[in-house]
Protein backbone atom coordinates (compact mmCIF):
# COMPACT_ATOMS: atom_id res chain seq x y z
CA MET A 1 -45.09 -19.45 6.41
CA SER A 2 -44.93 -21.23 3.09
CA ILE A 3 -41.93 -22.76 1.61
CA LEU A 4 -41.81 -20.30 -1.10
CA GLU A 5 -42.02 -17.46 1.55
CA ALA A 6 -39.16 -18.97 3.48
CA ILE A 7 -37.03 -19.17 0.40
CA ILE A 8 -37.75 -15.31 -0.53
CA ILE A 9 -36.80 -14.32 2.86
CA ALA A 10 -33.77 -16.52 3.00
CA ILE A 11 -32.51 -15.12 -0.33
CA VAL A 12 -32.86 -11.61 1.08
CA GLU A 13 -30.90 -12.49 4.13
CA GLY A 14 -28.08 -14.09 2.27
CA LEU A 15 -27.84 -11.35 -0.26
CA THR A 16 -27.96 -8.51 2.39
CA GLU A 17 -26.50 -9.76 5.61
CA PHE A 18 -22.96 -8.93 4.78
CA LEU A 19 -23.58 -5.97 2.63
CA PRO A 20 -23.87 -2.49 4.26
CA VAL A 21 -27.68 -2.26 3.58
CA SER A 22 -29.37 -3.87 6.49
CA SER A 23 -30.42 -7.43 6.23
CA THR A 24 -33.08 -6.96 9.09
CA GLY A 25 -34.51 -3.91 7.46
CA HIS A 26 -34.74 -5.66 4.17
CA MET A 27 -36.39 -8.67 5.69
CA ILE A 28 -38.83 -6.51 7.48
CA ILE A 29 -39.68 -5.13 4.06
CA ALA A 30 -39.93 -8.52 2.34
CA SER A 31 -42.17 -10.24 5.02
CA SER A 32 -44.47 -6.79 5.12
CA LEU A 33 -44.83 -7.05 1.34
CA LEU A 34 -45.75 -10.96 1.94
CA GLY A 35 -48.27 -10.07 4.64
CA ILE A 36 -46.62 -12.20 7.29
CA HIS A 37 -44.48 -9.73 9.16
CA THR A 38 -46.63 -9.87 12.26
CA GLU A 39 -46.65 -13.56 12.68
CA SER A 40 -44.81 -14.92 15.36
CA PHE A 41 -42.99 -17.59 13.48
CA THR A 42 -41.79 -14.88 10.81
CA LYS A 43 -40.09 -12.93 13.71
CA LEU A 44 -38.32 -16.08 15.05
CA PHE A 45 -37.38 -17.16 11.24
CA GLU A 46 -35.70 -13.66 10.58
CA VAL A 47 -33.31 -13.96 13.52
CA ALA A 48 -32.71 -17.78 13.29
CA ILE A 49 -31.99 -17.75 9.61
CA GLN A 50 -28.88 -16.14 10.40
CA LEU A 51 -27.30 -19.31 11.18
CA GLY A 52 -26.99 -20.25 7.60
CA ALA A 53 -25.32 -17.00 6.65
CA ILE A 54 -22.87 -17.21 9.47
CA LEU A 55 -21.85 -20.84 8.37
CA ALA A 56 -21.08 -19.29 4.91
CA VAL A 57 -18.30 -17.09 6.83
CA VAL A 58 -17.03 -20.21 8.71
CA VAL A 59 -16.66 -21.99 5.48
CA LEU A 60 -15.09 -19.23 3.25
CA TYR A 61 -12.58 -18.52 6.00
CA TRP A 62 -12.34 -21.93 7.70
CA LYS A 63 -8.34 -21.77 8.00
CA LYS A 64 -8.87 -18.71 10.32
CA PHE A 65 -11.53 -20.45 12.51
CA VAL A 66 -9.74 -23.60 12.70
CA ASP A 67 -6.34 -22.13 13.58
CA PHE A 68 -5.99 -23.33 17.16
CA LYS A 69 -2.20 -22.50 17.34
CA SER A 70 -3.05 -18.92 18.04
CA PHE A 71 -6.19 -18.17 20.37
CA THR A 72 -5.53 -14.33 20.03
CA PHE A 73 -8.11 -14.41 17.24
CA TYR A 74 -10.72 -15.85 19.31
CA TYR A 75 -10.19 -13.53 22.30
CA LYS A 76 -10.56 -10.67 20.07
CA LEU A 77 -13.96 -11.78 18.74
CA ALA A 78 -15.09 -12.60 22.20
CA LEU A 79 -14.18 -9.16 23.48
CA ALA A 80 -15.73 -7.44 20.66
CA VAL A 81 -18.92 -9.24 20.87
CA VAL A 82 -19.43 -8.00 24.55
CA PRO A 83 -21.03 -4.83 23.93
CA ALA A 84 -23.71 -6.29 21.70
CA LEU A 85 -24.48 -9.20 24.05
CA LEU A 86 -24.52 -6.62 26.95
CA LEU A 87 -26.95 -4.14 25.19
CA GLY A 88 -29.08 -6.88 23.65
CA PHE A 89 -29.71 -8.40 27.04
CA LEU A 90 -30.59 -4.89 28.61
CA PHE A 91 -32.69 -3.66 25.98
CA SER A 92 -34.21 -6.79 24.30
CA ASP A 93 -37.91 -5.44 24.62
CA GLN A 94 -37.00 -2.04 23.09
CA ILE A 95 -35.20 -3.68 20.21
CA ASP A 96 -38.30 -5.96 19.64
CA ALA A 97 -40.57 -2.97 19.61
CA LEU A 98 -38.31 -1.21 16.89
CA LEU A 99 -38.46 -4.18 14.65
CA GLU A 100 -42.18 -3.64 14.39
CA SER A 101 -41.52 -0.31 12.54
CA PRO A 102 -40.89 -0.18 8.83
CA LEU A 103 -40.85 3.64 9.16
CA THR A 104 -37.77 3.20 11.36
CA VAL A 105 -36.20 1.08 8.62
CA ALA A 106 -36.94 3.84 6.14
CA ILE A 107 -35.53 6.64 7.98
CA THR A 108 -32.33 4.64 8.90
CA LEU A 109 -31.89 3.47 5.34
CA LEU A 110 -31.79 7.06 4.21
CA LEU A 111 -29.58 8.47 6.88
CA GLY A 112 -27.08 5.55 6.52
CA GLY A 113 -27.29 6.01 2.83
CA PHE A 114 -26.10 9.68 3.21
CA VAL A 115 -23.27 8.35 5.49
CA LEU A 116 -21.96 5.84 2.93
CA LEU A 117 -21.68 8.55 0.33
CA PHE A 118 -18.82 10.27 2.10
CA ILE A 119 -17.34 7.37 4.22
CA ASP A 120 -14.60 6.62 1.77
CA LYS A 121 -13.36 10.27 1.80
CA SER A 122 -13.51 10.31 5.71
CA PHE A 123 -10.88 7.48 6.10
CA GLN A 124 -8.43 7.74 3.21
CA HIS A 125 -5.07 6.74 5.05
CA PRO A 126 -5.50 3.22 6.76
CA ARG A 127 -2.66 1.91 8.94
CA ILE A 128 -3.82 -1.73 9.47
CA HIS A 129 -3.72 -4.05 6.31
CA ASP A 130 -3.86 -7.28 8.36
CA GLU A 131 -6.36 -8.67 10.82
CA THR A 132 -3.28 -9.78 13.21
CA GLU A 133 -2.50 -6.08 13.71
CA ILE A 134 -5.80 -5.18 15.26
CA SER A 135 -5.30 -4.58 19.06
CA PHE A 136 -7.82 -5.77 21.69
CA LYS A 137 -8.77 -2.17 22.33
CA LYS A 138 -9.51 -1.56 18.52
CA ALA A 139 -11.64 -4.83 18.46
CA LEU A 140 -13.63 -3.71 21.64
CA ILE A 141 -14.28 -0.32 19.81
CA ILE A 142 -15.43 -1.98 16.61
CA GLY A 143 -17.71 -4.15 18.77
CA ALA A 144 -19.31 -1.02 20.26
CA TRP A 145 -19.95 0.45 16.77
CA GLN A 146 -21.64 -2.59 15.89
CA CYS A 147 -24.23 -2.06 18.59
CA LEU A 148 -25.73 0.68 16.39
CA ALA A 149 -27.23 -2.02 14.28
CA MET A 150 -29.68 -2.76 16.89
CA ILE A 151 -31.69 -0.02 15.36
CA PRO A 152 -33.29 -1.80 12.29
CA GLY A 153 -32.06 -0.40 9.02
CA VAL A 154 -28.72 0.65 10.40
CA SER A 155 -26.75 -2.42 9.13
CA ARG A 156 -24.57 -4.50 11.60
CA SER A 157 -22.08 -4.91 8.52
CA ALA A 158 -21.93 -1.09 7.58
CA ALA A 159 -21.56 -0.21 11.45
CA SER A 160 -18.87 -2.59 12.22
CA ILE A 161 -17.01 -1.78 8.92
CA ILE A 162 -17.19 1.96 9.60
CA GLY A 163 -15.97 1.19 13.08
CA GLY A 164 -13.06 -0.63 11.57
CA MET A 165 -12.31 2.08 9.10
CA GLN A 166 -12.46 4.71 11.99
CA GLN A 167 -9.83 2.70 13.82
CA ARG A 168 -7.66 2.81 10.65
CA LEU A 169 -8.28 -0.59 9.11
CA SER A 170 -8.15 -0.93 5.39
CA ARG A 171 -11.56 -1.41 3.86
CA LYS A 172 -10.73 -5.17 3.09
CA VAL A 173 -9.56 -5.87 6.67
CA ALA A 174 -12.47 -3.88 8.25
CA ALA A 175 -14.93 -5.94 5.90
CA GLU A 176 -13.45 -9.21 6.86
CA PHE A 177 -13.23 -8.44 10.64
CA SER A 178 -16.85 -7.54 10.39
CA PHE A 179 -17.55 -10.98 8.81
CA PHE A 180 -15.64 -12.71 11.64
CA LEU A 181 -17.42 -10.57 14.38
CA ALA A 182 -20.77 -11.65 12.76
CA VAL A 183 -20.21 -15.27 13.61
CA PRO A 184 -20.19 -14.92 17.48
CA THR A 185 -22.80 -12.00 17.32
CA MET A 186 -25.27 -13.80 15.14
CA ALA A 187 -24.83 -17.11 16.90
CA ALA A 188 -25.65 -15.66 20.18
CA ALA A 189 -28.78 -13.81 18.70
CA SER A 190 -30.13 -16.99 17.00
CA GLY A 191 -29.40 -19.13 20.17
CA TYR A 192 -31.16 -16.57 22.29
CA SER A 193 -34.17 -16.56 19.90
CA LEU A 194 -34.37 -20.44 19.64
CA VAL A 195 -33.50 -21.42 23.27
CA LEU A 196 -34.11 -18.61 25.67
CA LYS A 197 -36.48 -16.12 24.40
CA ASP A 198 -40.33 -16.45 25.18
CA TRP A 199 -42.27 -15.64 22.19
CA THR A 200 -45.95 -14.48 22.52
CA MET A 201 -47.99 -16.22 20.01
CA GLU A 202 -51.04 -14.68 18.13
CA ASP A 203 -53.62 -16.64 20.51
CA GLY A 204 -51.76 -15.12 23.62
CA THR A 205 -49.72 -18.20 24.72
CA VAL A 206 -46.01 -18.20 25.11
CA GLN A 207 -43.67 -20.43 23.57
CA LYS A 208 -39.88 -20.86 23.38
CA GLY A 209 -38.39 -20.78 19.84
CA TYR A 210 -37.55 -24.40 19.55
CA ASP A 211 -41.25 -25.33 20.51
CA MET A 212 -42.33 -23.03 17.63
CA LEU A 213 -40.05 -24.78 15.30
CA LEU A 214 -41.22 -28.19 16.43
CA SER A 215 -44.89 -27.45 16.62
CA SER A 216 -45.56 -28.17 12.87
CA ASN A 217 -43.57 -29.84 10.06
CA ASP A 218 -44.01 -26.75 8.03
CA ASN A 219 -42.21 -24.59 10.39
CA LEU A 220 -39.30 -27.06 10.65
CA ILE A 221 -39.09 -27.40 7.03
CA ALA A 222 -39.16 -23.80 6.47
CA PHE A 223 -36.39 -23.34 8.95
CA ILE A 224 -34.07 -25.95 7.43
CA VAL A 225 -34.72 -24.86 3.76
CA GLY A 226 -34.29 -21.23 4.63
CA ASN A 227 -30.94 -21.73 6.20
CA VAL A 228 -29.62 -23.71 3.26
CA VAL A 229 -30.75 -21.14 0.89
CA ALA A 230 -29.38 -18.32 3.01
CA PHE A 231 -26.02 -20.21 3.33
CA ILE A 232 -25.59 -20.80 -0.48
CA VAL A 233 -26.68 -17.05 -1.28
CA ALA A 234 -24.45 -15.72 1.48
CA LEU A 235 -21.39 -17.49 0.15
CA LEU A 236 -21.93 -15.63 -3.22
CA ALA A 237 -22.58 -12.45 -1.59
CA ILE A 238 -19.42 -12.32 0.42
CA LYS A 239 -17.11 -13.12 -2.50
CA PHE A 240 -18.85 -10.36 -4.59
CA PHE A 241 -18.71 -7.69 -1.71
CA ILE A 242 -15.06 -8.01 -1.17
CA GLY A 243 -14.15 -7.39 -4.80
CA PHE A 244 -16.73 -4.83 -5.19
CA LEU A 245 -15.67 -2.85 -2.13
CA GLN A 246 -12.04 -2.81 -3.05
CA LYS A 247 -12.62 -1.36 -6.41
CA ASN A 248 -15.54 0.92 -5.77
CA GLY A 249 -15.95 1.75 -2.06
CA PHE A 250 -19.16 2.46 -0.39
CA ARG A 251 -20.68 5.10 -2.64
CA TRP A 252 -23.04 2.87 -4.67
CA PHE A 253 -24.30 1.16 -1.48
CA GLY A 254 -25.17 4.73 -0.24
CA TYR A 255 -27.22 5.47 -3.47
CA TYR A 256 -28.86 2.07 -3.15
CA ARG A 257 -29.83 2.68 0.63
CA ILE A 258 -31.26 6.30 -0.30
CA ALA A 259 -33.33 4.72 -3.20
CA ALA A 260 -34.75 1.83 -0.81
CA GLY A 261 -35.43 4.21 2.01
CA LEU A 262 -37.56 6.40 -0.44
CA ILE A 263 -39.32 3.62 -2.06
CA LEU A 264 -40.28 2.32 1.47
CA LEU A 265 -41.56 5.67 2.49
CA ILE A 266 -43.73 5.69 -0.57
CA LEU A 267 -44.85 2.27 0.20
CA LEU A 268 -45.83 3.48 3.66
CA TRP A 269 -47.49 6.49 2.49
CA THR A 270 -49.73 4.66 0.00
CA GLY A 271 -50.63 2.02 2.46
CA VAL A 272 -49.02 -0.80 0.65
CA ILE A 273 -47.02 -1.45 3.75
CA GLN A 274 -48.50 -0.66 7.18
CA ASN A 275 -46.29 0.55 9.90
CA GLY A 276 -46.17 -1.58 12.91
């Protein structure tokens, strides 16, 4: 992976991680167009680069994350992340197989787009307008909704926000709780990919993520540059999303997902992108 390719994928990650359009799906599309999707380091990079994006959440909401006077906030996040950790551990191989399929991304982009067209009308009477009003039960249910994002193209942000709105959270509170929940979820995924996961290399050998990173200066530089770029872009994307969501809802994101899904299907049909 070149530095330019790392920057391109990092921009895609930063722009899409907290929008309801699927960052994983968009990174798969980007790396497929760049011709590097099947490379082992690319697969590691697309997970580990989330560290930069979640740092943007911690910086923007630092008062929330360093408020040690009340541990209720941390307990809620810890409980909400349990379903994703459990299913991710049990079905790691199946999830990896889905990540090989741009066709899966195209289909879920389309289906998710149609859902977003109608989601605002489905939850018009929120009762929770502050994060402190979220109960432990509601936090766990939102965490269960988040698990839908294990299917590439679904969007972790969309799944958890819709789960929040289904639990009667306002759009703003649901979006912010989705951001908070991203921190332990994505930190766990990145840590697993870097430290615990065995990656099969192109020559058939097996390496840990950190060994792959340290195997060449190019890999290490790409990782560092990518996370810095993802952090900066994610800062801007989060600020944009909250304001846009409050004014416009999800409809335009639905249109975008449908258009992106159709374009991806055309690219697959014409052979520009290969499935798997």
